[in-house]
Amino acid sequence: KVVAKDEVHLYRGLGRGGEYFGVLYGRFADRKNARQALASLPAALAVNRPIFRTIGGIRQEIRPY
């Protein structure tokens, strides 16, 4: 209810602690816009301590299925 559903994306990855699911929000033209969106997230989402990620970094973690 806080963000647009069509801007939320789920992916499965493999990290140091094993398999996990990541949630992505939005598509941004550049890092500056992405960081601004992160800083302006509602408190209900910011409490989960979201972080800025690049697609390149995420692709390195995604396990092919």
N, C-alpha and C. Protein backbone atom coordinates (compact mmCIF):
# COMPACT_ATOMS: atom_id res chain seq x y z
N LYS A 1 0.81 -1.19 0.00
CA LYS A 1 0.00 0.00 0.00
C LYS A 1 0.86 1.26 0.00
N VAL A 2 2.13 1.12 0.34
CA VAL A 2 3.01 2.29 0.49
C VAL A 2 3.69 2.66 -0.83
N VAL A 3 3.99 1.67 -1.66
CA VAL A 3 4.66 1.92 -2.95
C VAL A 3 3.87 1.23 -4.06
N ALA A 4 4.12 1.63 -5.29
CA ALA A 4 3.44 1.04 -6.45
C ALA A 4 3.87 -0.41 -6.65
N LYS A 5 2.90 -1.31 -6.79
CA LYS A 5 3.21 -2.73 -6.95
C LYS A 5 4.05 -3.02 -8.18
N ASP A 6 3.85 -2.26 -9.24
CA ASP A 6 4.61 -2.53 -10.46
C ASP A 6 6.06 -2.06 -10.38
N GLU A 7 6.44 -1.44 -9.29
CA GLU A 7 7.83 -1.01 -9.06
C GLU A 7 8.57 -1.95 -8.12
N VAL A 8 7.91 -2.98 -7.63
CA VAL A 8 8.52 -3.92 -6.69
C VAL A 8 8.87 -5.20 -7.44
N HIS A 9 10.11 -5.68 -7.27
CA HIS A 9 10.60 -6.86 -7.97
C HIS A 9 11.27 -7.79 -6.96
N LEU A 10 11.07 -9.08 -7.12
CA LEU A 10 11.64 -10.09 -6.23
C LEU A 10 12.66 -10.91 -7.00
N TYR A 11 13.79 -11.21 -6.36
CA TYR A 11 14.78 -12.09 -6.99
C TYR A 11 15.34 -13.04 -5.96
N ARG A 12 15.86 -14.16 -6.44
CA ARG A 12 16.47 -15.16 -5.56
C ARG A 12 17.97 -15.12 -5.77
N GLY A 13 18.73 -15.13 -4.69
CA GLY A 13 20.17 -15.04 -4.78
C GLY A 13 20.87 -16.02 -3.84
N LEU A 14 22.17 -16.06 -3.94
CA LEU A 14 22.99 -16.91 -3.10
C LEU A 14 24.07 -16.05 -2.48
N GLY A 15 24.04 -15.92 -1.16
CA GLY A 15 25.01 -15.10 -0.45
C GLY A 15 25.87 -15.94 0.47
N ARG A 16 26.65 -15.30 1.29
CA ARG A 16 27.53 -16.01 2.24
C ARG A 16 26.74 -16.92 3.18
N GLY A 17 25.54 -16.47 3.56
CA GLY A 17 24.72 -17.24 4.48
C GLY A 17 23.82 -18.24 3.79
N GLY A 18 23.91 -18.38 2.49
CA GLY A 18 23.08 -19.31 1.75
C GLY A 18 22.09 -18.58 0.85
N GLU A 19 21.06 -19.29 0.48
CA GLU A 19 20.05 -18.74 -0.42
C GLU A 19 19.18 -17.70 0.28
N TYR A 20 18.77 -16.68 -0.46
CA TYR A 20 17.91 -15.64 0.09
C TYR A 20 17.05 -15.05 -1.02
N PHE A 21 16.07 -14.29 -0.64
CA PHE A 21 15.24 -13.54 -1.58
C PHE A 21 15.49 -12.06 -1.35
N GLY A 22 15.63 -11.33 -2.44
CA GLY A 22 15.82 -9.89 -2.36
C GLY A 22 14.62 -9.18 -2.96
N VAL A 23 14.34 -8.03 -2.46
CA VAL A 23 13.25 -7.21 -2.96
C VAL A 23 13.85 -5.92 -3.52
N LEU A 24 13.53 -5.62 -4.75
CA LEU A 24 14.01 -4.41 -5.41
C LEU A 24 12.86 -3.45 -5.59
N TYR A 25 13.17 -2.17 -5.54
CA TYR A 25 12.14 -1.17 -5.76
C TYR A 25 12.60 -0.17 -6.80
N GLY A 26 11.84 -0.02 -7.85
CA GLY A 26 12.05 1.02 -8.84
C GLY A 26 13.14 0.75 -9.86
N ARG A 27 13.14 1.61 -10.85
CA ARG A 27 14.16 1.64 -11.90
C ARG A 27 14.60 3.09 -12.01
N PHE A 28 15.89 3.30 -11.99
CA PHE A 28 16.40 4.67 -11.94
C PHE A 28 17.43 4.91 -13.03
N ALA A 29 17.42 6.12 -13.57
CA ALA A 29 18.32 6.48 -14.67
C ALA A 29 19.77 6.55 -14.21
N ASP A 30 19.98 6.89 -12.93
CA ASP A 30 21.35 7.00 -12.44
C ASP A 30 21.38 6.79 -10.92
N ARG A 31 22.58 6.71 -10.40
CA ARG A 31 22.76 6.46 -8.96
C ARG A 31 22.18 7.58 -8.09
N LYS A 32 22.31 8.80 -8.56
CA LYS A 32 21.81 9.94 -7.80
C LYS A 32 20.31 9.82 -7.57
N ASN A 33 19.55 9.52 -8.61
CA ASN A 33 18.11 9.36 -8.48
C ASN A 33 17.75 8.18 -7.58
N ALA A 34 18.51 7.11 -7.68
CA ALA A 34 18.25 5.94 -6.83
C ALA A 34 18.50 6.27 -5.36
N ARG A 35 19.57 6.97 -5.09
CA ARG A 35 19.88 7.35 -3.70
C ARG A 35 18.84 8.32 -3.13
N GLN A 36 18.34 9.21 -3.97
CA GLN A 36 17.30 10.14 -3.52
C GLN A 36 16.01 9.38 -3.18
N ALA A 37 15.67 8.41 -4.00
CA ALA A 37 14.47 7.60 -3.73
C ALA A 37 14.66 6.81 -2.44
N LEU A 38 15.83 6.27 -2.23
CA LEU A 38 16.12 5.52 -1.01
C LEU A 38 15.97 6.41 0.22
N ALA A 39 16.49 7.61 0.13
CA ALA A 39 16.42 8.54 1.26
C ALA A 39 15.00 9.02 1.54
N SER A 40 14.12 8.95 0.54
CA SER A 40 12.76 9.45 0.74
C SER A 40 11.72 8.36 0.95
N LEU A 41 12.18 7.12 1.18
CA LEU A 41 11.22 6.04 1.45
C LEU A 41 10.44 6.33 2.73
N PRO A 42 9.18 5.90 2.77
CA PRO A 42 8.38 6.10 3.99
C PRO A 42 9.00 5.35 5.17
N ALA A 43 8.74 5.86 6.37
CA ALA A 43 9.30 5.26 7.58
C ALA A 43 8.96 3.79 7.71
N ALA A 44 7.78 3.39 7.24
CA ALA A 44 7.36 1.99 7.32
C ALA A 44 8.30 1.07 6.55
N LEU A 45 8.95 1.57 5.52
CA LEU A 45 9.92 0.79 4.76
C LEU A 45 11.34 1.04 5.22
N ALA A 46 11.65 2.24 5.62
CA ALA A 46 13.00 2.58 6.07
C ALA A 46 13.39 1.79 7.32
N VAL A 47 12.43 1.39 8.11
CA VAL A 47 12.71 0.62 9.33
C VAL A 47 13.41 -0.71 9.00
N ASN A 48 13.24 -1.20 7.78
CA ASN A 48 13.88 -2.45 7.36
C ASN A 48 15.30 -2.25 6.85
N ARG A 49 15.80 -1.03 6.97
CA ARG A 49 17.17 -0.66 6.57
C ARG A 49 17.50 -1.03 5.12
N PRO A 50 16.74 -0.51 4.16
CA PRO A 50 17.04 -0.80 2.75
C PRO A 50 18.39 -0.23 2.36
N ILE A 51 19.00 -0.85 1.36
CA ILE A 51 20.31 -0.41 0.88
C ILE A 51 20.26 -0.18 -0.63
N PHE A 52 21.18 0.62 -1.11
CA PHE A 52 21.35 0.89 -2.53
C PHE A 52 22.13 -0.26 -3.14
N ARG A 53 21.64 -0.81 -4.25
CA ARG A 53 22.33 -1.89 -4.95
C ARG A 53 22.35 -1.59 -6.44
N THR A 54 23.40 -1.99 -7.12
CA THR A 54 23.44 -1.89 -8.57
C THR A 54 23.02 -3.22 -9.18
N ILE A 55 22.55 -3.17 -10.40
CA ILE A 55 22.18 -4.40 -11.10
C ILE A 55 23.40 -5.30 -11.26
N GLY A 56 24.56 -4.70 -11.54
CA GLY A 56 25.79 -5.49 -11.69
C GLY A 56 26.11 -6.28 -10.44
N GLY A 57 25.97 -5.66 -9.28
CA GLY A 57 26.22 -6.35 -8.02
C GLY A 57 25.23 -7.46 -7.77
N ILE A 58 24.00 -7.22 -8.09
CA ILE A 58 22.95 -8.24 -7.90
C ILE A 58 23.17 -9.40 -8.85
N ARG A 59 23.52 -9.12 -10.08
CA ARG A 59 23.74 -10.20 -11.06
C ARG A 59 24.84 -11.15 -10.62
N GLN A 60 25.83 -10.66 -9.92
CA GLN A 60 26.92 -11.52 -9.44
C GLN A 60 26.43 -12.50 -8.39
N GLU A 61 25.35 -12.17 -7.71
CA GLU A 61 24.83 -13.03 -6.65
C GLU A 61 23.74 -13.97 -7.08
N ILE A 62 23.07 -13.64 -8.18
CA ILE A 62 21.92 -14.44 -8.59
C ILE A 62 22.38 -15.79 -9.11
N ARG A 63 21.77 -16.81 -8.57
CA ARG A 63 22.06 -18.17 -8.99
C ARG A 63 21.11 -18.52 -10.14
N PRO A 64 21.63 -19.04 -11.25
CA PRO A 64 20.75 -19.39 -12.37
C PRO A 64 19.80 -20.54 -12.01
N TYR A 65 18.55 -20.39 -12.38
CA TYR A 65 17.54 -21.42 -12.14
C TYR A 65 16.91 -21.83 -13.44
